Amino acid sequence: MELKVPFYNVVNILLPGLAFIGICAFLFLDKIKVFVLAITTLGSAGLEMLLTVAFLAITYEVGYIIFRLGDVMIEPVLKKMFGWAEYKDFVAAQKAGAKSLEIFSREYGYARTQITLFIALAIVFGLEAQWGFLTVCVLCVMLFVLTARSHIKKTITTVNEYLIKPESEVINS
């Protein structure tokens, strides 16, 4: 079976899902041990493969939910806080040769997903009264908000530069 997952999906979906599940597994280690013990008593060789595939599927789904929550809940807040380039202007600037926009967009998407991940972890840590970890999560949210702001500002600046320049300058730059 050949499985091709784009790198963007690995970074923005699979890894955040893995991080969320992995951190929750450490937080609820005693409950996980009981679950693993119950599974291992079933004693089937194919069970390990089934559990591995199930774990990857669950991890991907959790990561996809985190990714989509970032798109639906975090992005409007970031756009309201820091502004945004209109999509038609973004596309026009890309067509005019602004190659860096793809990188800014990808990095912004990654920062947005990380903001969502750390907000979700902060909620879990808050519910479990793990104040030190909650503080780390809040600091990470702040870090990635600043990162997103940086990429938004770079995107707006680049789009504006490519929309203002005469076409002959854009071709020569």
Foldseek 3Di string as FASTA:
>chain_A
DDDDDDPLLCLQALVLLCVLVVVVCVVPVVVVVVVVVVQVVVPDPCSVVVVVVVSSVSSRVSSVVLLVCLVVPVVVVLCVVQNADDPVLLVLLVVLPPPCLVVLVSQLSSLSSLLSSLVVVLVVCVVVVVVVSNVVSVVSNVVSSVSNNVSRVVSVVSSVVSVPDDSVVSVVD
